Amino acid sequence: MNGSDKTKRTLVWAFFIFVCLLLVTLFVVTIYYVNKVRVARCDTQALVAAALKRYGAHSSLSDLSPERRSMLLAIEDPTFTRHHGVDLATPGAGMTTLTQGLVKFLYFPDGFHPGIAKNRQTLIAQYALDAMVSKDDQLLLFLNIYYLGNEHGQAIHVYANAARIYFWQRIFSHYRR
């Protein structure tokens, strides 16, 4: 066996080892994310109930006229009723769907940090929250718990609070026709 054959053989073995390590890494990462989604699915109902208990149900969907509901969704998440938690095609609000925004709030209590957590957020949005919580209930959560800025250092959650603080009026006197 000459030097050229040894080099080729070494390269083939190096490539084989690289592919094996890559496959093992992909397997481990897949198992990690499958487990994260499994845990999220187990926690979903409790997280939703705890959020509604903490912030209350100040609004119901019947408080919004169909026209106002359409306007709200057109601004916040145009494909909300059609996507399964994730929409990579429609630009808007930082390429985050309403469902993904809820995932940040419900499943990341210490704060969401972009990067690798985006993968986890996307999977939880599609396979846990959207799969287990109806679109109406997601919209109800959005109206009642969503973060809408801050005033004098205090976080503002709940559309009714934001309407009162920013516009000095009750939300549904503003939204009803």
N, C-alpha and C. Protein backbone atom coordinates (compact mmCIF):
# COMPACT_ATOMS: atom_id res chain seq x y z
N MET A 1 0.86 -1.17 0.00
CA MET A 1 0.00 0.00 0.00
C MET A 1 0.91 1.23 0.00
N ASN A 2 0.63 2.12 -0.96
CA ASN A 2 1.48 3.30 -1.05
C ASN A 2 0.90 4.44 -0.21
N GLY A 3 1.60 5.56 -0.14
CA GLY A 3 1.22 6.70 0.68
C GLY A 3 -0.10 7.32 0.24
N SER A 4 -0.37 7.30 -1.04
CA SER A 4 -1.61 7.89 -1.56
C SER A 4 -2.82 7.08 -1.10
N ASP A 5 -2.71 5.76 -1.11
CA ASP A 5 -3.80 4.90 -0.65
C ASP A 5 -4.05 5.09 0.85
N LYS A 6 -2.97 5.20 1.62
CA LYS A 6 -3.12 5.43 3.06
C LYS A 6 -3.84 6.76 3.33
N THR A 7 -3.48 7.79 2.59
CA THR A 7 -4.11 9.10 2.76
C THR A 7 -5.59 9.02 2.42
N LYS A 8 -5.92 8.34 1.31
CA LYS A 8 -7.33 8.19 0.93
C LYS A 8 -8.10 7.42 2.00
N ARG A 9 -7.48 6.35 2.49
CA ARG A 9 -8.13 5.53 3.52
C ARG A 9 -8.34 6.35 4.80
N THR A 10 -7.37 7.14 5.18
CA THR A 10 -7.48 8.00 6.37
C THR A 10 -8.59 9.02 6.18
N LEU A 11 -8.67 9.61 5.00
CA LEU A 11 -9.72 10.59 4.72
C LEU A 11 -11.10 9.94 4.76
N VAL A 12 -11.22 8.75 4.23
CA VAL A 12 -12.50 8.05 4.25
C VAL A 12 -12.91 7.76 5.69
N TRP A 13 -11.97 7.29 6.50
CA TRP A 13 -12.28 7.02 7.91
C TRP A 13 -12.61 8.30 8.67
N ALA A 14 -11.89 9.37 8.39
CA ALA A 14 -12.18 10.65 9.04
C ALA A 14 -13.58 11.13 8.65
N PHE A 15 -13.91 11.00 7.38
CA PHE A 15 -15.25 11.40 6.92
C PHE A 15 -16.31 10.52 7.58
N PHE A 16 -16.07 9.23 7.66
CA PHE A 16 -17.01 8.30 8.29
C PHE A 16 -17.22 8.67 9.77
N ILE A 17 -16.15 8.96 10.48
CA ILE A 17 -16.25 9.33 11.89
C ILE A 17 -17.00 10.66 12.03
N PHE A 18 -16.71 11.62 11.16
CA PHE A 18 -17.41 12.90 11.18
C PHE A 18 -18.91 12.71 10.98
N VAL A 19 -19.30 11.90 10.00
CA VAL A 19 -20.72 11.64 9.73
C VAL A 19 -21.36 10.95 10.93
N CYS A 20 -20.67 10.00 11.53
CA CYS A 20 -21.22 9.31 12.71
C CYS A 20 -21.42 10.28 13.87
N LEU A 21 -20.45 11.14 14.12
CA LEU A 21 -20.58 12.14 15.19
C LEU A 21 -21.72 13.11 14.89
N LEU A 22 -21.85 13.50 13.64
CA LEU A 22 -22.95 14.38 13.26
C LEU A 22 -24.30 13.71 13.49
N LEU A 23 -24.42 12.46 13.13
CA LEU A 23 -25.68 11.72 13.34
C LEU A 23 -25.99 11.56 14.83
N VAL A 24 -24.99 11.28 15.62
CA VAL A 24 -25.19 11.15 17.07
C VAL A 24 -25.63 12.49 17.65
N THR A 25 -24.99 13.57 17.22
CA THR A 25 -25.37 14.90 17.69
C THR A 25 -26.81 15.21 17.31
N LEU A 26 -27.19 14.94 16.08
CA LEU A 26 -28.57 15.18 15.64
C LEU A 26 -29.56 14.34 16.45
N PHE A 27 -29.20 13.13 16.75
CA PHE A 27 -30.06 12.26 17.56
C PHE A 27 -30.24 12.83 18.96
N VAL A 28 -29.15 13.27 19.58
CA VAL A 28 -29.21 13.83 20.93
C VAL A 28 -30.04 15.11 20.94
N VAL A 29 -29.84 15.98 19.97
CA VAL A 29 -30.60 17.23 19.89
C VAL A 29 -32.08 16.93 19.68
N THR A 30 -32.38 15.97 18.83
CA THR A 30 -33.78 15.59 18.59
C THR A 30 -34.42 15.08 19.87
N ILE A 31 -33.75 14.22 20.60
CA ILE A 31 -34.27 13.71 21.86
C ILE A 31 -34.49 14.85 22.85
N TYR A 32 -33.55 15.79 22.90
CA TYR A 32 -33.68 16.94 23.79
C TYR A 32 -34.96 17.72 23.47
N TYR A 33 -35.18 18.06 22.21
CA TYR A 33 -36.35 18.85 21.84
C TYR A 33 -37.66 18.07 21.96
N VAL A 34 -37.62 16.79 21.67
CA VAL A 34 -38.82 15.97 21.87
C VAL A 34 -39.22 15.99 23.34
N ASN A 35 -38.24 15.89 24.22
CA ASN A 35 -38.52 15.93 25.65
C ASN A 35 -39.05 17.30 26.07
N LYS A 36 -38.48 18.37 25.55
CA LYS A 36 -38.96 19.72 25.88
C LYS A 36 -40.42 19.90 25.45
N VAL A 37 -40.77 19.40 24.29
CA VAL A 37 -42.16 19.49 23.82
C VAL A 37 -43.07 18.61 24.69
N ARG A 38 -42.61 17.43 25.05
CA ARG A 38 -43.40 16.54 25.92
C ARG A 38 -43.69 17.22 27.25
N VAL A 39 -42.68 17.81 27.85
CA VAL A 39 -42.86 18.51 29.13
C VAL A 39 -43.81 19.70 28.94
N ALA A 40 -43.63 20.44 27.85
CA ALA A 40 -44.50 21.59 27.59
C ALA A 40 -45.95 21.15 27.43
N ARG A 41 -46.18 20.04 26.75
CA ARG A 41 -47.55 19.54 26.58
C ARG A 41 -48.16 19.17 27.93
N CYS A 42 -47.35 18.57 28.80
CA CYS A 42 -47.84 18.21 30.14
C CYS A 42 -48.16 19.46 30.96
N ASP A 43 -47.41 20.53 30.76
CA ASP A 43 -47.57 21.75 31.56
C ASP A 43 -48.58 22.75 30.99
N THR A 44 -48.99 22.57 29.76
CA THR A 44 -49.78 23.60 29.07
C THR A 44 -51.03 24.01 29.81
N GLN A 45 -51.89 23.09 30.18
CA GLN A 45 -53.15 23.47 30.83
C GLN A 45 -52.91 24.19 32.15
N ALA A 46 -51.93 23.74 32.92
CA ALA A 46 -51.63 24.39 34.19
C ALA A 46 -51.07 25.80 33.97
N LEU A 47 -50.23 25.97 32.96
CA LEU A 47 -49.67 27.30 32.67
C LEU A 47 -50.76 28.28 32.23
N VAL A 48 -51.67 27.81 31.39
CA VAL A 48 -52.77 28.66 30.92
C VAL A 48 -53.65 29.06 32.11
N ALA A 49 -54.01 28.09 32.93
CA ALA A 49 -54.87 28.38 34.09
C ALA A 49 -54.18 29.34 35.07
N ALA A 50 -52.89 29.14 35.30
CA ALA A 50 -52.15 30.01 36.22
C ALA A 50 -52.07 31.44 35.67
N ALA A 51 -51.87 31.58 34.37
CA ALA A 51 -51.79 32.92 33.77
C ALA A 51 -53.13 33.63 33.88
N LEU A 52 -54.21 32.92 33.59
CA LEU A 52 -55.53 33.55 33.70
C LEU A 52 -55.87 33.88 35.15
N LYS A 53 -55.42 33.04 36.07
CA LYS A 53 -55.67 33.33 37.48
C LYS A 53 -54.87 34.56 37.93
N ARG A 54 -53.64 34.65 37.46
CA ARG A 54 -52.79 35.78 37.86
C ARG A 54 -53.31 37.10 37.31
N TYR A 55 -53.70 37.11 36.03
CA TYR A 55 -54.09 38.36 35.40
C TYR A 55 -55.61 38.54 35.30
N GLY A 56 -56.36 37.47 35.53
CA GLY A 56 -57.81 37.55 35.47
C GLY A 56 -58.32 37.51 34.04
N ALA A 57 -59.62 37.36 33.93
CA ALA A 57 -60.26 37.35 32.61
C ALA A 57 -61.07 38.63 32.51
N HIS A 58 -60.38 39.72 32.19
CA HIS A 58 -61.01 41.03 32.11
C HIS A 58 -61.88 41.15 30.87
N SER A 59 -61.59 40.39 29.86
CA SER A 59 -62.30 40.48 28.60
C SER A 59 -62.72 39.10 28.15
N SER A 60 -63.78 39.07 27.38
CA SER A 60 -64.17 37.83 26.71
C SER A 60 -64.22 38.12 25.22
N LEU A 61 -64.19 37.09 24.44
CA LEU A 61 -64.20 37.28 22.99
C LEU A 61 -65.49 37.92 22.51
N SER A 62 -66.57 37.70 23.23
CA SER A 62 -67.84 38.30 22.83
C SER A 62 -67.81 39.83 23.01
N ASP A 63 -66.85 40.34 23.76
CA ASP A 63 -66.72 41.78 23.93
C ASP A 63 -66.21 42.46 22.66
N LEU A 64 -65.54 41.71 21.80
CA LEU A 64 -65.03 42.26 20.55
C LEU A 64 -66.02 41.99 19.42
N SER A 65 -66.35 43.02 18.68
CA SER A 65 -67.20 42.80 17.50
C SER A 65 -66.37 42.03 16.47
N PRO A 66 -67.01 41.33 15.55
CA PRO A 66 -66.25 40.60 14.52
C PRO A 66 -65.31 41.53 13.73
N GLU A 67 -65.75 42.76 13.49
CA GLU A 67 -64.91 43.71 12.75
C GLU A 67 -63.64 44.06 13.54
N ARG A 68 -63.80 44.31 14.83
CA ARG A 68 -62.65 44.67 15.67
C ARG A 68 -61.73 43.47 15.85
N ARG A 69 -62.29 42.29 15.94
CA ARG A 69 -61.47 41.07 16.05
C ARG A 69 -60.64 40.92 14.78
N SER A 70 -61.26 41.13 13.63
CA SER A 70 -60.53 41.04 12.36
C SER A 70 -59.42 42.07 12.29
N MET A 71 -59.70 43.29 12.76
CA MET A 71 -58.67 44.35 12.76
C MET A 71 -57.51 43.97 13.67
N LEU A 72 -57.83 43.48 14.86
CA LEU A 72 -56.79 43.10 15.81
C LEU A 72 -55.90 42.01 15.23
N LEU A 73 -56.51 41.00 14.63
CA LEU A 73 -55.72 39.90 14.06
C LEU A 73 -54.95 40.35 12.82
N ALA A 74 -55.53 41.25 12.03
CA ALA A 74 -54.83 41.74 10.85
C ALA A 74 -53.53 42.44 11.24
N ILE A 75 -53.54 43.09 12.38
CA ILE A 75 -52.35 43.81 12.85
C ILE A 75 -51.39 42.86 13.57
N GLU A 76 -51.90 42.06 14.47
CA GLU A 76 -51.04 41.24 15.33
C GLU A 76 -50.56 39.95 14.66
N ASP A 77 -51.44 39.31 13.89
CA ASP A 77 -51.09 38.00 13.32
C ASP A 77 -52.08 37.66 12.20
N PRO A 78 -51.81 38.12 10.99
CA PRO A 78 -52.77 37.98 9.89
C PRO A 78 -53.18 36.54 9.58
N THR A 79 -52.32 35.58 9.82
CA THR A 79 -52.66 34.18 9.48
C THR A 79 -52.99 33.35 10.72
N PHE A 80 -53.34 34.02 11.81
CA PHE A 80 -53.60 33.35 13.08
C PHE A 80 -54.56 32.18 12.96
N THR A 81 -55.66 32.36 12.24
CA THR A 81 -56.67 31.30 12.16
C THR A 81 -56.25 30.16 11.24
N ARG A 82 -55.20 30.36 10.45
CA ARG A 82 -54.79 29.32 9.50
C ARG A 82 -53.50 28.60 9.87
N HIS A 83 -52.63 29.24 10.63
CA HIS A 83 -51.35 28.57 10.93
C HIS A 83 -51.48 27.69 12.17
N HIS A 84 -50.47 26.88 12.37
CA HIS A 84 -50.43 25.96 13.52
C HIS A 84 -49.37 26.41 14.52
N GLY A 85 -49.43 27.68 14.88
CA GLY A 85 -48.52 28.21 15.87
C GLY A 85 -47.32 28.93 15.30
N VAL A 86 -46.95 28.59 14.07
CA VAL A 86 -45.78 29.15 13.44
C VAL A 86 -46.14 29.57 12.03
N ASP A 87 -45.68 30.76 11.64
CA ASP A 87 -45.89 31.25 10.28
C ASP A 87 -44.60 31.87 9.80
N LEU A 88 -43.90 31.18 8.94
CA LEU A 88 -42.62 31.67 8.46
C LEU A 88 -42.77 32.52 7.20
N ALA A 89 -43.98 32.59 6.65
CA ALA A 89 -44.18 33.28 5.38
C ALA A 89 -44.66 34.72 5.53
N THR A 90 -45.37 35.05 6.59
CA THR A 90 -45.96 36.38 6.73
C THR A 90 -45.08 37.25 7.60
N PRO A 91 -44.52 38.33 7.03
CA PRO A 91 -43.73 39.22 7.86
C PRO A 91 -44.62 40.03 8.79
N GLY A 92 -44.08 40.44 9.88
CA GLY A 92 -44.83 41.25 10.83
C GLY A 92 -44.28 41.06 12.22
N ALA A 93 -44.65 41.87 13.14
CA ALA A 93 -44.31 41.79 14.57
C ALA A 93 -43.08 40.94 14.84
N GLY A 94 -41.99 41.21 14.13
CA GLY A 94 -40.75 40.49 14.39
C GLY A 94 -40.80 39.03 13.99
N MET A 95 -41.65 38.69 13.02
CA MET A 95 -41.81 37.32 12.54
C MET A 95 -42.24 36.38 13.66
N THR A 96 -42.95 36.90 14.63
CA THR A 96 -43.46 36.10 15.74
C THR A 96 -44.98 36.09 15.68
N THR A 97 -45.55 34.90 15.70
CA THR A 97 -47.01 34.80 15.70
C THR A 97 -47.55 35.08 17.09
N LEU A 98 -48.83 35.31 17.17
CA LEU A 98 -49.49 35.50 18.46
C LEU A 98 -49.22 34.29 19.36
N THR A 99 -49.30 33.10 18.79
CA THR A 99 -49.05 31.87 19.54
C THR A 99 -47.61 31.84 20.07
N GLN A 100 -46.65 32.20 19.24
CA GLN A 100 -45.26 32.21 19.69
C GLN A 100 -45.05 33.25 20.79
N GLY A 101 -45.74 34.38 20.69
CA GLY A 101 -45.66 35.39 21.75
C GLY A 101 -46.18 34.85 23.07
N LEU A 102 -47.28 34.10 23.01
CA LEU A 102 -47.82 33.49 24.22
C LEU A 102 -46.84 32.45 24.79
N VAL A 103 -46.18 31.72 23.90
CA VAL A 103 -45.19 30.74 24.35
C VAL A 103 -44.07 31.44 25.12
N LYS A 104 -43.59 32.57 24.60
CA LYS A 104 -42.54 33.32 25.31
C LYS A 104 -42.99 33.67 26.72
N PHE A 105 -44.23 34.07 26.84
CA PHE A 105 -44.76 34.51 28.13
C PHE A 105 -45.03 33.34 29.07
N LEU A 106 -45.63 32.27 28.55
CA LEU A 106 -46.05 31.15 29.41
C LEU A 106 -44.92 30.19 29.76
N TYR A 107 -44.07 29.86 28.81
CA TYR A 107 -43.09 28.79 28.99
C TYR A 107 -41.69 29.27 29.34
N PHE A 108 -41.46 30.57 29.29
CA PHE A 108 -40.14 31.13 29.60
C PHE A 108 -40.30 32.15 30.73
N PRO A 109 -40.58 31.70 31.95
CA PRO A 109 -40.88 32.63 33.05
C PRO A 109 -39.70 33.54 33.42
N ASP A 110 -38.50 33.13 33.11
CA ASP A 110 -37.33 33.96 33.42
C ASP A 110 -36.95 34.86 32.25
N GLY A 111 -37.82 34.90 31.26
CA GLY A 111 -37.56 35.73 30.09
C GLY A 111 -37.07 34.91 28.92
N PHE A 112 -37.51 35.30 27.77
CA PHE A 112 -37.11 34.64 26.53
C PHE A 112 -35.86 35.31 26.00
N HIS A 113 -34.87 34.51 25.64
CA HIS A 113 -33.64 35.04 25.08
C HIS A 113 -33.45 34.44 23.69
N PRO A 114 -33.45 35.28 22.66
CA PRO A 114 -33.31 34.76 21.29
C PRO A 114 -32.05 33.90 21.15
N GLY A 115 -32.03 33.14 20.10
CA GLY A 115 -30.93 32.24 19.83
C GLY A 115 -31.48 30.84 19.75
N ILE A 116 -30.83 29.92 20.42
CA ILE A 116 -31.26 28.52 20.39
C ILE A 116 -32.66 28.36 20.99
N ALA A 117 -33.05 29.25 21.89
CA ALA A 117 -34.39 29.19 22.47
C ALA A 117 -35.48 29.39 21.42
N LYS A 118 -35.15 30.03 20.31
CA LYS A 118 -36.13 30.24 19.24
C LYS A 118 -36.59 28.89 18.69
N ASN A 119 -35.69 27.93 18.59
CA ASN A 119 -36.07 26.58 18.13
C ASN A 119 -37.08 25.97 19.09
N ARG A 120 -36.78 26.06 20.36
CA ARG A 120 -37.68 25.51 21.39
C ARG A 120 -39.02 26.22 21.36
N GLN A 121 -39.00 27.55 21.24
CA GLN A 121 -40.24 28.32 21.17
C GLN A 121 -41.09 27.90 19.98
N THR A 122 -40.46 27.72 18.84
CA THR A 122 -41.18 27.33 17.63
C THR A 122 -41.81 25.96 17.79
N LEU A 123 -41.07 25.02 18.33
CA LEU A 123 -41.61 23.66 18.52
C LEU A 123 -42.73 23.65 19.55
N ILE A 124 -42.58 24.37 20.65
CA ILE A 124 -43.63 24.42 21.67
C ILE A 124 -44.88 25.09 21.10
N ALA A 125 -44.68 26.16 20.34
CA ALA A 125 -45.83 26.85 19.75
C ALA A 125 -46.64 25.91 18.87
N GLN A 126 -45.94 25.13 18.06
CA GLN A 126 -46.64 24.25 17.11
C GLN A 126 -47.16 22.98 17.75
N TYR A 127 -46.38 22.34 18.58
CA TYR A 127 -46.74 21.01 19.06
C TYR A 127 -47.32 20.96 20.48
N ALA A 128 -47.26 22.06 21.20
CA ALA A 128 -47.84 22.08 22.55
C ALA A 128 -48.99 23.07 22.62
N LEU A 129 -48.69 24.36 22.57
CA LEU A 129 -49.74 25.35 22.78
C LEU A 129 -50.80 25.31 21.69
N ASP A 130 -50.40 25.40 20.43
CA ASP A 130 -51.39 25.41 19.36
C ASP A 130 -52.14 24.08 19.25
N ALA A 131 -51.45 23.01 19.57
CA ALA A 131 -52.08 21.69 19.48
C ALA A 131 -53.07 21.44 20.62
N MET A 132 -52.89 22.12 21.75
CA MET A 132 -53.70 21.81 22.92
C MET A 132 -54.65 22.92 23.37
N VAL A 133 -54.49 24.12 22.80
CA VAL A 133 -55.32 25.25 23.19
C VAL A 133 -55.99 25.80 21.93
N SER A 134 -57.31 25.92 21.97
CA SER A 134 -58.04 26.38 20.79
C SER A 134 -57.62 27.80 20.42
N LYS A 135 -57.86 28.17 19.17
CA LYS A 135 -57.54 29.52 18.71
C LYS A 135 -58.32 30.56 19.52
N ASP A 136 -59.58 30.28 19.82
CA ASP A 136 -60.36 31.22 20.64
C ASP A 136 -59.74 31.41 22.01
N ASP A 137 -59.29 30.31 22.62
CA ASP A 137 -58.66 30.42 23.94
C ASP A 137 -57.31 31.13 23.86
N GLN A 138 -56.59 30.93 22.77
CA GLN A 138 -55.34 31.66 22.59
C GLN A 138 -55.60 33.15 22.46
N LEU A 139 -56.63 33.52 21.72
CA LEU A 139 -56.97 34.93 21.58
C LEU A 139 -57.43 35.51 22.92
N LEU A 140 -58.19 34.73 23.67
CA LEU A 140 -58.62 35.16 25.00
C LEU A 140 -57.40 35.39 25.91
N LEU A 141 -56.44 34.49 25.87
CA LEU A 141 -55.20 34.67 26.62
C LEU A 141 -54.49 35.95 26.17
N PHE A 142 -54.42 36.13 24.89
CA PHE A 142 -53.76 37.32 24.34
C PHE A 142 -54.40 38.59 24.89
N LEU A 143 -55.71 38.65 24.89
CA LEU A 143 -56.41 39.84 25.38
C LEU A 143 -56.20 40.05 26.88
N ASN A 144 -56.04 38.97 27.62
CA ASN A 144 -56.03 39.06 29.07
C ASN A 144 -54.67 39.00 29.76
N ILE A 145 -53.63 38.56 29.07
CA ILE A 145 -52.33 38.44 29.75
C ILE A 145 -51.17 39.06 28.99
N TYR A 146 -51.35 39.43 27.77
CA TYR A 146 -50.23 39.84 26.93
C TYR A 146 -49.55 41.10 27.46
N TYR A 147 -48.24 41.13 27.34
CA TYR A 147 -47.44 42.30 27.74
C TYR A 147 -47.59 43.39 26.68
N LEU A 148 -47.94 44.59 27.11
CA LEU A 148 -48.21 45.68 26.18
C LEU A 148 -47.41 46.94 26.52
N GLY A 149 -46.22 46.76 27.01
CA GLY A 149 -45.37 47.90 27.31
C GLY A 149 -45.28 48.17 28.80
N ASN A 150 -44.78 49.38 29.14
CA ASN A 150 -44.69 49.74 30.55
C ASN A 150 -44.93 51.24 30.71
N GLU A 151 -45.37 51.58 31.86
CA GLU A 151 -45.64 52.98 32.21
C GLU A 151 -45.00 53.22 33.57
N HIS A 152 -44.08 54.17 33.64
CA HIS A 152 -43.39 54.51 34.88
C HIS A 152 -42.74 53.28 35.53
N GLY A 153 -42.15 52.44 34.68
CA GLY A 153 -41.45 51.26 35.18
C GLY A 153 -42.33 50.07 35.53
N GLN A 154 -43.63 50.19 35.37
CA GLN A 154 -44.55 49.08 35.67
C GLN A 154 -44.98 48.40 34.38
N ALA A 155 -44.84 47.08 34.33
CA ALA A 155 -45.28 46.33 33.15
C ALA A 155 -46.80 46.43 33.01
N ILE A 156 -47.24 46.57 31.77
CA ILE A 156 -48.67 46.63 31.50
C ILE A 156 -49.07 45.35 30.77
N HIS A 157 -49.94 44.60 31.41
CA HIS A 157 -50.51 43.41 30.81
C HIS A 157 -52.00 43.66 30.69
N VAL A 158 -52.67 42.96 29.81
CA VAL A 158 -54.11 43.00 29.64
C VAL A 158 -54.51 44.21 28.78
N TYR A 159 -55.22 43.93 27.71
CA TYR A 159 -55.67 44.99 26.81
C TYR A 159 -56.50 46.04 27.54
N ALA A 160 -57.34 45.61 28.47
CA ALA A 160 -58.18 46.57 29.20
C ALA A 160 -57.31 47.56 29.97
N ASN A 161 -56.25 47.10 30.60
CA ASN A 161 -55.34 48.00 31.32
C ASN A 161 -54.62 48.95 30.36
N ALA A 162 -54.18 48.40 29.23
CA ALA A 162 -53.47 49.24 28.26
C ALA A 162 -54.39 50.34 27.72
N ALA A 163 -55.64 50.01 27.43
CA ALA A 163 -56.58 51.02 26.94
C ALA A 163 -56.80 52.11 27.98
N ARG A 164 -56.92 51.70 29.22
CA ARG A 164 -57.13 52.66 30.31
C ARG A 164 -55.90 53.55 30.49
N ILE A 165 -54.71 52.96 30.46
CA ILE A 165 -53.48 53.71 30.71
C ILE A 165 -53.10 54.59 29.51
N TYR A 166 -53.16 54.02 28.31
CA TYR A 166 -52.71 54.76 27.14
C TYR A 166 -53.77 55.69 26.56
N PHE A 167 -55.03 55.31 26.65
CA PHE A 167 -56.09 56.08 25.98
C PHE A 167 -57.13 56.62 26.94
N TRP A 168 -56.98 56.40 28.23
CA TRP A 168 -57.87 56.90 29.27
C TRP A 168 -59.32 56.49 29.05
N GLN A 169 -59.54 55.26 28.60
CA GLN A 169 -60.90 54.79 28.43
C GLN A 169 -60.98 53.29 28.59
N ARG A 170 -62.20 52.83 28.80
CA ARG A 170 -62.42 51.39 28.91
C ARG A 170 -62.27 50.78 27.53
N ILE A 171 -61.67 49.61 27.49
CA ILE A 171 -61.35 49.00 26.20
C ILE A 171 -62.58 48.73 25.36
N PHE A 172 -63.62 48.24 25.97
CA PHE A 172 -64.73 47.82 25.14
C PHE A 172 -65.67 48.95 24.79
N SER A 173 -65.57 50.08 25.48
CA SER A 173 -66.28 51.25 24.99
C SER A 173 -65.55 51.74 23.73
N HIS A 174 -64.25 51.47 23.67
CA HIS A 174 -63.45 51.86 22.52
C HIS A 174 -63.65 50.88 21.36
N TYR A 175 -63.77 49.58 21.66
CA TYR A 175 -63.83 48.58 20.61
C TYR A 175 -65.24 48.28 20.12
N ARG A 176 -66.24 48.51 20.89
CA ARG A 176 -67.58 48.18 20.45
C ARG A 176 -68.11 49.23 19.50
N ARG A 177 -68.98 48.78 18.62
CA ARG A 177 -69.64 49.70 17.70
C ARG A 177 -71.04 49.92 18.14
